[in-house]
Amino acid sequence: MTDTLSAAQARRIALAAQGFSRARPASVSARHIHRVMDRLGVLQIDSVNVFARSHYMPLFSRLGAYEPALFDRVFHSRTTHYVEYMAHEATFIPIEDWPLWRFRMDHFRARWAAPDSWMSTNTRTLRWVQDELRARGPLRPADLRDDAPRERGTWWDWDDVKLALEHLWRTGDVAISGRKGFERTYALAEQVIPDAILSQHVPREDAIRELTRRAARSSGVATQSDLADYHRIRDRAAVSQSIADLVDSGEILAVSVRGWDRGGRPLPSWRHRDAVLPRRIDAAALLTPFDPVVWFRDRALRAFELDYRIEIYVPAEKRRYGYYSLPVLVGDRIVARVDLKADRATSTLQVQSAWWEPQGQPGADAEKIAAELALAAAWQGLAHVSVSRWGTASEALHAALSGRADASVRRHVHAREASG
């Protein structure tokens, strides 16, 4: 017998699985960060820094303002519990999960085994890089670049050393041992991953089943596509078999979600056995585009009516919502999106555009969004918030911010607003 959930119930289950049913702590410690990582499993890394780098955002969304230096100590120290790998895109993962990704490392190695591949035609560079890391320990690309042997060409304007490090990282021969700013430090895997972990062997089918199980736990309720996308597993037959195994073991349960359909037919969905259905979600949060709540476009549209595309690569005059707009969660709804920029020179958080989503309730939601914007400014050490007039939510947010004692509010003119 298949249980039936309403769309709102499915949203609440999904948000609870992601930690949004918990109250934010009064003071954030490393313990809270580890707890969030236990729920997410992976934390996607991104270099865009117009407001705050994406990997700092999911913790802010769930925990509130915290010291970015705490993030750096937890994730970037040489004794960290975490390491980087391609577990969705580039992500932080628990270091003990390294063996789960051996199947992906082997896939990269096999794909690049062709005689005409970059790795096959640049074996001298690859050996030299590994020898240097073995002899000198963890190094930045700049530490290697000047002495590197020169071979053929470049890729994406990276030199051969950087390219060799990236290939070796994907095949698991090299690991990221830390960062200075946003610059990675590389080392041989055995210099980063403890021997007891590095020596473990997890068969491919077992790894995919375990990752599917974790995706189900982190999603709360999900379709097969949702479960596959969480860790970017492209072998849908393997995911399907994993789902069948997890159903047989009672770990996940078949459900039907009203409104989750395709071509008029319900999409098969599953709920993790430990997933909870809260009576309500009281959260308000700014979400990075790379938050697991919204990173899969199909799921964001199906669950939250959020039709979302990042417009970084869209010409400025053709952008509909802004350069790097952030979805805004209030309760169990995505109610708006805001394009934020941290103007450090003027100590101002600029709301470059603000738009209501179909599930937004302008009268009820503006105050909660204003509170999050004020908190975001304080988190980034900014003294002011300014709001442009571009977007359907801009006037309501300006009015709500103007009424807050904790926000110094200004108006600014955005270039798109001025031209349009």
Protein backbone atom coordinates (compact mmCIF):
# COMPACT_ATOMS: atom_id res chain seq x y z
CA MET A 1 0.00 0.00 0.00
CA THR A 2 1.40 3.40 -1.03
CA ASP A 3 0.92 6.39 1.25
CA THR A 4 -0.15 9.66 -0.33
CA LEU A 5 1.35 13.01 0.64
CA SER A 6 0.22 16.49 -0.26
CA ALA A 7 2.74 18.75 -1.96
CA ALA A 8 2.99 20.84 1.23
CA GLN A 9 3.67 17.74 3.35
CA ALA A 10 6.41 16.66 0.93
CA ARG A 11 8.01 20.10 1.18
CA ARG A 12 7.98 19.98 4.98
CA ILE A 13 9.50 16.51 5.00
CA ALA A 14 12.22 17.62 2.56
CA LEU A 15 13.04 20.77 4.52
CA ALA A 16 13.13 18.89 7.83
CA ALA A 17 15.56 16.39 6.31
CA GLN A 18 17.76 19.35 5.37
CA GLY A 19 17.69 20.78 8.89
CA PHE A 20 15.19 23.62 8.49
CA SER A 21 12.85 22.36 11.23
CA ARG A 22 15.49 23.02 13.90
CA ALA A 23 15.82 26.35 15.71
CA ARG A 24 19.02 28.25 15.04
CA PRO A 25 21.50 28.14 17.93
CA ALA A 26 22.28 31.25 19.95
CA SER A 27 25.99 30.67 19.30
CA VAL A 28 27.44 28.51 16.52
CA SER A 29 30.19 26.02 17.32
CA ALA A 30 32.01 23.37 15.30
CA ARG A 31 29.55 20.84 16.70
CA HIS A 32 26.70 22.62 14.91
CA ILE A 33 28.61 22.62 11.63
CA HIS A 34 29.26 18.87 11.90
CA ARG A 35 25.57 18.33 12.60
CA VAL A 36 24.60 20.20 9.41
CA MET A 37 27.14 18.18 7.43
CA ASP A 38 25.65 14.98 8.84
CA ARG A 39 22.36 16.02 7.26
CA LEU A 40 23.70 17.33 3.94
CA GLY A 41 26.46 14.77 3.41
CA VAL A 42 28.13 17.00 0.83
CA LEU A 43 28.77 20.74 0.62
CA GLN A 44 29.22 22.16 -2.87
CA ILE A 45 32.11 24.55 -3.44
CA ASP A 46 31.90 27.56 -5.75
CA SER A 47 34.26 30.44 -6.43
CA VAL A 48 31.71 33.23 -7.09
CA ASN A 49 32.16 35.80 -4.33
CA VAL A 50 29.81 38.64 -5.23
CA PHE A 51 28.07 38.28 -1.85
CA ALA A 52 29.57 35.28 -0.06
CA ARG A 53 31.11 32.15 -1.53
CA SER A 54 28.48 29.48 -1.96
CA HIS A 55 29.95 26.91 0.44
CA TYR A 56 29.64 29.35 3.36
CA MET A 57 25.93 29.88 2.65
CA PRO A 58 24.18 26.58 3.58
CA LEU A 59 25.52 26.87 7.13
CA PHE A 60 24.31 30.47 7.37
CA SER A 61 20.91 29.41 5.98
CA ARG A 62 20.49 26.78 8.68
CA LEU A 63 22.48 28.15 11.64
CA GLY A 64 22.32 31.91 11.21
CA ALA A 65 25.30 34.24 11.56
CA TYR A 66 28.55 32.49 12.41
CA GLU A 67 32.23 33.36 12.17
CA PRO A 68 33.59 32.54 8.70
CA ALA A 69 36.91 31.81 10.42
CA LEU A 70 35.15 28.90 12.14
CA PHE A 71 34.24 27.49 8.74
CA ASP A 72 37.89 27.79 7.67
CA ARG A 73 39.10 25.99 10.79
CA VAL A 74 36.59 23.17 10.34
CA PHE A 75 37.07 22.62 6.59
CA HIS A 76 40.50 23.95 5.64
CA SER A 77 42.81 22.89 8.45
CA ARG A 78 45.32 20.07 7.92
CA THR A 79 43.55 18.05 10.64
CA THR A 80 40.06 18.53 9.20
CA HIS A 81 37.29 15.93 9.26
CA TYR A 82 36.60 16.78 5.61
CA VAL A 83 38.24 16.51 2.22
CA GLU A 84 37.25 17.64 -1.28
CA TYR A 85 36.01 15.47 -4.11
CA MET A 86 33.56 15.38 -7.03
CA ALA A 87 30.66 14.08 -4.96
CA HIS A 88 28.11 16.32 -6.72
CA GLU A 89 30.27 18.90 -8.36
CA ALA A 90 33.37 19.84 -6.34
CA THR A 91 32.29 19.36 -2.75
CA PHE A 92 33.48 18.89 0.79
CA ILE A 93 32.84 15.33 2.01
CA PRO A 94 33.64 13.53 5.27
CA ILE A 95 37.15 12.16 4.93
CA GLU A 96 35.97 8.66 5.87
CA ASP A 97 33.78 8.68 2.72
CA TRP A 98 36.81 8.69 0.39
CA PRO A 99 36.47 4.92 -0.38
CA LEU A 100 32.84 5.42 -1.45
CA TRP A 101 34.10 7.44 -4.41
CA ARG A 102 36.64 4.93 -5.67
CA PHE A 103 34.16 3.87 -8.38
CA ARG A 104 34.09 7.45 -9.69
CA MET A 105 37.87 7.73 -9.50
CA ASP A 106 38.15 4.48 -11.46
CA HIS A 107 35.67 5.85 -14.01
CA PHE A 108 37.85 8.91 -14.62
CA ARG A 109 40.94 6.72 -14.88
CA ALA A 110 39.28 4.41 -17.42
CA ARG A 111 37.89 7.31 -19.44
CA TRP A 112 41.33 8.86 -19.73
CA ALA A 113 43.15 5.61 -20.57
CA ALA A 114 42.79 6.11 -24.34
CA PRO A 115 46.14 6.52 -26.13
CA ASP A 116 45.24 10.01 -27.34
CA SER A 117 43.93 11.31 -23.98
CA TRP A 118 45.66 14.14 -22.12
CA MET A 119 46.83 11.80 -19.35
CA SER A 120 48.28 9.31 -21.84
CA THR A 121 50.17 11.99 -23.77
CA ASN A 122 51.43 13.82 -20.66
CA THR A 123 52.78 10.98 -18.54
CA ARG A 124 56.09 12.82 -17.97
CA THR A 125 54.30 15.80 -16.42
CA LEU A 126 52.09 13.53 -14.29
CA ARG A 127 55.06 11.56 -12.97
CA TRP A 128 57.00 14.77 -12.27
CA VAL A 129 54.11 16.27 -10.30
CA GLN A 130 53.70 13.11 -8.23
CA ASP A 131 57.45 12.92 -7.57
CA GLU A 132 57.51 16.55 -6.42
CA LEU A 133 54.57 16.01 -4.04
CA ARG A 134 56.20 12.84 -2.71
CA ALA A 135 59.47 14.63 -2.06
CA ARG A 136 58.20 18.04 -0.89
CA GLY A 137 54.79 17.33 0.62
CA PRO A 138 51.64 19.44 0.05
CA LEU A 139 52.11 22.20 -2.55
CA ARG A 140 50.13 24.91 -4.30
CA PRO A 141 50.18 24.96 -8.11
CA ALA A 142 52.31 28.11 -7.93
CA ASP A 143 54.92 26.16 -5.96
CA LEU A 144 55.29 23.78 -8.90
CA ARG A 145 54.64 25.98 -11.89
CA ASP A 146 58.01 27.62 -12.47
CA ASP A 147 59.96 24.36 -12.43
CA ALA A 148 57.49 22.27 -14.39
CA PRO A 149 58.56 20.47 -17.57
CA ARG A 150 56.81 21.97 -20.57
CA GLU A 151 54.88 19.72 -22.90
CA ARG A 152 51.94 20.42 -25.18
CA GLY A 153 49.27 23.09 -24.99
CA THR A 154 46.90 24.19 -22.30
CA TRP A 155 43.25 23.58 -21.39
CA TRP A 156 41.01 26.45 -20.29
CA ASP A 157 44.21 28.52 -20.12
CA TRP A 158 45.51 26.43 -17.22
CA ASP A 159 49.14 25.38 -17.47
CA ASP A 160 50.13 21.73 -17.57
CA VAL A 161 50.91 21.54 -13.86
CA LYS A 162 47.45 22.71 -12.81
CA LEU A 163 45.87 20.36 -15.31
CA ALA A 164 47.94 17.43 -14.06
CA LEU A 165 46.91 18.14 -10.46
CA GLU A 166 43.23 18.29 -11.43
CA HIS A 167 43.42 14.99 -13.34
CA LEU A 168 45.25 13.28 -10.49
CA TRP A 169 42.69 14.60 -8.00
CA ARG A 170 39.82 13.16 -10.02
CA THR A 171 41.52 9.75 -10.25
CA GLY A 172 42.18 9.77 -6.49
CA ASP A 173 45.99 9.79 -6.74
CA VAL A 174 46.05 13.31 -5.29
CA ALA A 175 43.88 14.91 -2.61
CA ILE A 176 43.27 18.51 -1.55
CA SER A 177 45.09 19.09 1.73
CA GLY A 178 43.73 22.58 2.41
CA ARG A 179 43.19 26.03 1.00
CA LYS A 180 44.71 29.46 1.44
CA GLY A 181 41.95 31.87 0.49
CA PHE A 182 40.44 30.06 -2.46
CA GLU A 183 43.72 28.53 -3.67
CA ARG A 184 43.99 24.80 -3.19
CA THR A 185 46.97 22.94 -1.77
CA TYR A 186 47.51 19.48 -3.26
CA ALA A 187 49.18 16.40 -1.85
CA LEU A 188 49.42 12.72 -2.63
CA ALA A 189 46.33 10.95 -1.36
CA GLU A 190 48.38 8.97 1.15
CA GLN A 191 49.63 12.25 2.63
CA VAL A 192 46.04 13.34 3.38
CA ILE A 193 43.84 10.26 3.75
CA PRO A 194 44.63 7.98 6.74
CA ASP A 195 45.89 4.54 5.76
CA ALA A 196 42.94 2.79 7.41
CA ILE A 197 40.56 4.73 5.14
CA LEU A 198 42.68 4.71 1.99
CA SER A 199 43.05 0.93 2.11
CA GLN A 200 39.31 0.26 2.23
CA HIS A 201 37.65 -1.22 -0.84
CA VAL A 202 33.95 -0.61 -1.47
CA PRO A 203 32.50 -2.44 -4.50
CA ARG A 204 30.81 -0.16 -7.01
CA GLU A 205 27.30 -1.54 -6.45
CA ASP A 206 27.69 -1.20 -2.66
CA ALA A 207 28.93 2.38 -3.00
CA ILE A 208 26.01 3.41 -5.21
CA ARG A 209 23.53 1.74 -2.88
CA GLU A 210 25.02 3.55 0.11
CA LEU A 211 25.00 6.90 -1.71
CA THR A 212 21.39 6.34 -2.80
CA ARG A 213 20.51 5.59 0.84
CA ARG A 214 22.19 8.79 1.97
CA ALA A 215 20.47 10.79 -0.75
CA ALA A 216 17.13 9.43 0.45
CA ARG A 217 17.93 10.38 4.04
CA SER A 218 19.07 13.89 3.05
CA SER A 219 16.09 14.41 0.73
CA GLY A 220 13.37 13.07 3.04
CA VAL A 221 11.12 12.30 0.09
CA ALA A 222 12.37 12.02 -3.47
CA THR A 223 11.95 10.64 -6.97
CA GLN A 224 14.53 8.45 -8.68
CA SER A 225 15.89 11.49 -10.54
CA ASP A 226 16.24 13.37 -7.25
CA LEU A 227 18.16 10.50 -5.69
CA ALA A 228 20.45 10.14 -8.71
CA ASP A 229 21.19 13.86 -8.93
CA TYR A 230 22.13 14.27 -5.27
CA HIS A 231 25.50 12.66 -5.99
CA ARG A 232 25.35 13.04 -9.79
CA ILE A 233 25.14 9.28 -10.40
CA ARG A 234 24.47 8.83 -14.10
CA ASP A 235 24.01 5.06 -14.00
CA ARG A 236 20.23 5.07 -13.60
CA ALA A 237 20.04 1.27 -13.74
CA ALA A 238 22.33 1.09 -10.71
CA VAL A 239 20.25 3.70 -8.88
CA SER A 240 17.06 1.80 -9.74
CA GLN A 241 18.54 -1.41 -8.36
CA SER A 242 19.67 0.44 -5.23
CA ILE A 243 16.13 1.76 -4.71
CA ALA A 244 14.74 -1.76 -5.03
CA ASP A 245 17.27 -3.04 -2.48
CA LEU A 246 16.45 -0.21 -0.06
CA VAL A 247 12.72 -0.88 -0.42
CA ASP A 248 13.31 -4.58 0.28
CA SER A 249 15.29 -3.73 3.42
CA GLY A 250 12.60 -1.32 4.60
CA GLU A 251 14.92 1.70 4.55
CA ILE A 252 12.75 3.63 2.10
CA LEU A 253 8.99 3.45 1.55
CA ALA A 254 7.04 4.04 -1.65
CA VAL A 255 4.82 7.14 -1.53
CA SER A 256 2.72 9.19 -3.92
CA VAL A 257 2.94 12.99 -3.80
CA ARG A 258 0.01 14.95 -5.18
CA GLY A 259 1.24 17.21 -7.96
CA TRP A 260 4.45 15.27 -8.54
CA ASP A 261 3.63 13.89 -11.94
CA ARG A 262 4.78 13.81 -15.53
CA GLY A 263 2.47 13.62 -18.49
CA GLY A 264 -0.46 13.24 -16.13
CA ARG A 265 1.04 10.20 -14.44
CA PRO A 266 2.30 10.21 -10.82
CA LEU A 267 6.08 10.09 -10.46
CA PRO A 268 7.19 7.11 -8.35
CA SER A 269 8.60 8.55 -5.12
CA TRP A 270 10.09 7.25 -1.88
CA ARG A 271 10.23 8.48 1.68
CA HIS A 272 13.10 7.59 3.99
CA ARG A 273 11.85 5.58 6.96
CA ASP A 274 13.40 8.06 9.43
CA ALA A 275 11.99 11.15 7.70
CA VAL A 276 9.76 13.27 9.91
CA LEU A 277 6.75 15.35 8.91
CA PRO A 278 6.73 18.53 11.01
CA ARG A 279 3.44 20.29 11.60
CA ARG A 280 5.06 23.45 10.24
CA ILE A 281 8.38 24.94 9.18
CA ASP A 282 9.15 28.28 10.79
CA ALA A 283 12.42 28.95 8.98
CA ALA A 284 13.35 31.99 6.92
CA ALA A 285 16.55 31.71 4.93
CA LEU A 286 18.54 32.98 1.97
CA LEU A 287 19.62 29.99 -0.11
CA THR A 288 22.61 29.66 -2.37
CA PRO A 289 21.78 28.33 -5.86
CA PHE A 290 23.96 25.35 -4.87
CA ASP A 291 21.99 24.44 -1.76
CA PRO A 292 20.65 20.86 -1.96
CA VAL A 293 17.14 22.24 -1.47
CA VAL A 294 17.24 23.90 -4.90
CA TRP A 295 20.32 22.67 -6.78
CA PHE A 296 18.35 20.20 -8.95
CA ARG A 297 16.17 22.30 -11.22
CA ASP A 298 13.50 19.64 -11.78
CA ARG A 299 13.01 19.13 -8.05
CA ALA A 300 12.97 22.87 -7.30
CA LEU A 301 10.24 23.39 -9.89
CA ARG A 302 8.25 20.35 -8.80
CA ALA A 303 8.45 20.92 -5.05
CA PHE A 304 8.64 24.72 -4.76
CA GLU A 305 7.36 26.09 -8.09
CA LEU A 306 10.82 27.65 -8.45
CA ASP A 307 11.87 27.86 -12.10
CA TYR A 308 15.50 28.71 -11.48
CA ARG A 309 18.51 29.35 -13.69
CA ILE A 310 21.71 31.11 -12.70
CA GLU A 311 22.17 34.17 -14.92
CA ILE A 312 25.91 34.71 -14.42
CA TYR A 313 26.58 33.79 -18.04
CA VAL A 314 23.61 35.71 -19.44
CA PRO A 315 24.45 39.15 -20.93
CA ALA A 316 23.55 41.88 -18.44
CA GLU A 317 20.88 43.41 -20.65
CA LYS A 318 19.12 40.04 -21.01
CA ARG A 319 19.05 39.06 -17.34
CA ARG A 320 15.57 38.69 -15.93
CA TYR A 321 16.39 38.50 -12.23
CA GLY A 322 20.03 39.50 -11.82
CA TYR A 323 23.59 38.22 -11.88
CA TYR A 324 23.45 35.79 -8.93
CA SER A 325 19.98 35.80 -7.42
CA LEU A 326 19.38 33.80 -4.26
CA PRO A 327 16.12 31.94 -3.62
CA VAL A 328 14.44 32.98 -0.35
CA LEU A 329 12.72 30.44 1.88
CA VAL A 330 9.94 31.45 4.27
CA GLY A 331 8.19 28.62 6.07
CA ASP A 332 7.89 25.76 3.59
CA ARG A 333 7.72 28.02 0.52
CA ILE A 334 10.26 29.64 -1.81
CA VAL A 335 8.69 33.09 -1.78
CA ALA A 336 11.17 35.37 -3.54
CA ARG A 337 14.61 35.72 -5.05
CA VAL A 338 17.11 38.49 -4.32
CA ASP A 339 20.26 39.46 -6.19
CA LEU A 340 22.82 40.44 -3.54
CA LYS A 341 26.20 42.12 -3.73
CA ALA A 342 28.55 42.93 -0.87
CA ASP A 343 29.99 46.38 -1.61
CA ARG A 344 32.97 46.32 0.76
CA ALA A 345 34.12 49.82 -0.15
CA THR A 346 30.93 51.36 1.23
CA SER A 347 30.19 48.61 3.79
CA THR A 348 26.84 48.01 2.09
CA LEU A 349 24.80 44.95 1.26
CA GLN A 350 23.22 45.86 -2.05
CA VAL A 351 19.90 44.26 -2.94
CA GLN A 352 20.34 44.74 -6.68
CA SER A 353 16.95 43.25 -7.50
CA ALA A 354 14.15 41.51 -5.62
CA TRP A 355 11.29 39.48 -7.07
CA TRP A 356 8.25 37.68 -5.69
CA GLU A 357 7.78 34.03 -6.59
CA PRO A 358 4.33 32.46 -7.20
CA GLN A 359 4.22 31.14 -3.62
CA GLY A 360 5.20 34.52 -2.15
CA GLN A 361 2.79 36.48 0.05
CA PRO A 362 4.07 40.09 -0.12
CA GLY A 363 2.23 41.35 2.92
CA ALA A 364 3.26 38.48 5.19
CA ASP A 365 6.74 37.69 3.89
CA ALA A 366 8.48 41.06 3.48
CA GLU A 367 9.24 41.50 7.19
CA LYS A 368 10.83 38.06 7.47
CA ILE A 369 12.94 38.60 4.37
CA ALA A 370 14.02 42.01 5.68
CA ALA A 371 15.16 40.38 8.92
CA GLU A 372 17.26 37.87 6.95
CA LEU A 373 18.80 40.63 4.85
CA ALA A 374 19.73 42.59 7.98
CA LEU A 375 21.24 39.43 9.47
CA ALA A 376 23.14 38.71 6.24
CA ALA A 377 24.64 42.20 6.27
CA ALA A 378 25.76 41.77 9.88
CA TRP A 379 27.19 38.32 9.11
CA GLN A 380 29.33 39.82 6.34
CA GLY A 381 30.38 42.77 8.52
CA LEU A 382 28.43 45.32 6.46
CA ALA A 383 26.95 48.41 8.12
CA HIS A 384 24.22 49.26 5.60
CA VAL A 385 21.62 47.68 3.33
CA SER A 386 20.58 49.35 0.11
CA VAL A 387 17.71 48.33 -2.15
CA SER A 388 17.32 49.16 -5.83
CA ARG A 389 13.92 49.68 -7.44
CA TRP A 390 14.38 46.78 -9.84
CA GLY A 391 11.95 43.92 -9.21
CA THR A 392 8.43 43.26 -8.00
CA ALA A 393 9.52 42.84 -4.35
CA SER A 394 11.90 45.79 -4.07
CA GLU A 395 9.44 48.37 -2.72
CA ALA A 396 8.06 46.02 -0.05
CA LEU A 397 11.55 45.02 1.08
CA HIS A 398 12.73 48.63 1.23
CA ALA A 399 9.72 49.56 3.36
CA ALA A 400 10.24 46.58 5.67
CA LEU A 401 13.94 47.30 6.07
CA SER A 402 13.28 50.99 6.71
CA GLY A 403 11.14 50.03 9.68
CA ARG A 404 13.86 47.96 11.35
CA ALA A 405 16.02 49.42 14.10
CA ASP A 406 18.92 47.09 13.20
CA ALA A 407 19.21 48.16 9.54
CA SER A 408 20.68 51.33 8.06
CA VAL A 409 18.80 51.46 4.76
CA ARG A 410 19.64 53.27 1.55
CA ARG A 411 18.32 53.29 -2.02
CA HIS A 412 20.60 52.80 -4.99
CA VAL A 413 20.04 52.69 -8.72
CA HIS A 414 20.95 49.44 -10.42
CA ALA A 415 22.27 49.66 -13.98
CA ARG A 416 19.44 47.50 -15.35
CA GLU A 417 16.91 49.60 -13.43
CA ALA A 418 18.36 52.82 -14.83
CA SER A 419 18.30 51.54 -18.42
CA GLY A 420 14.99 49.79 -18.31
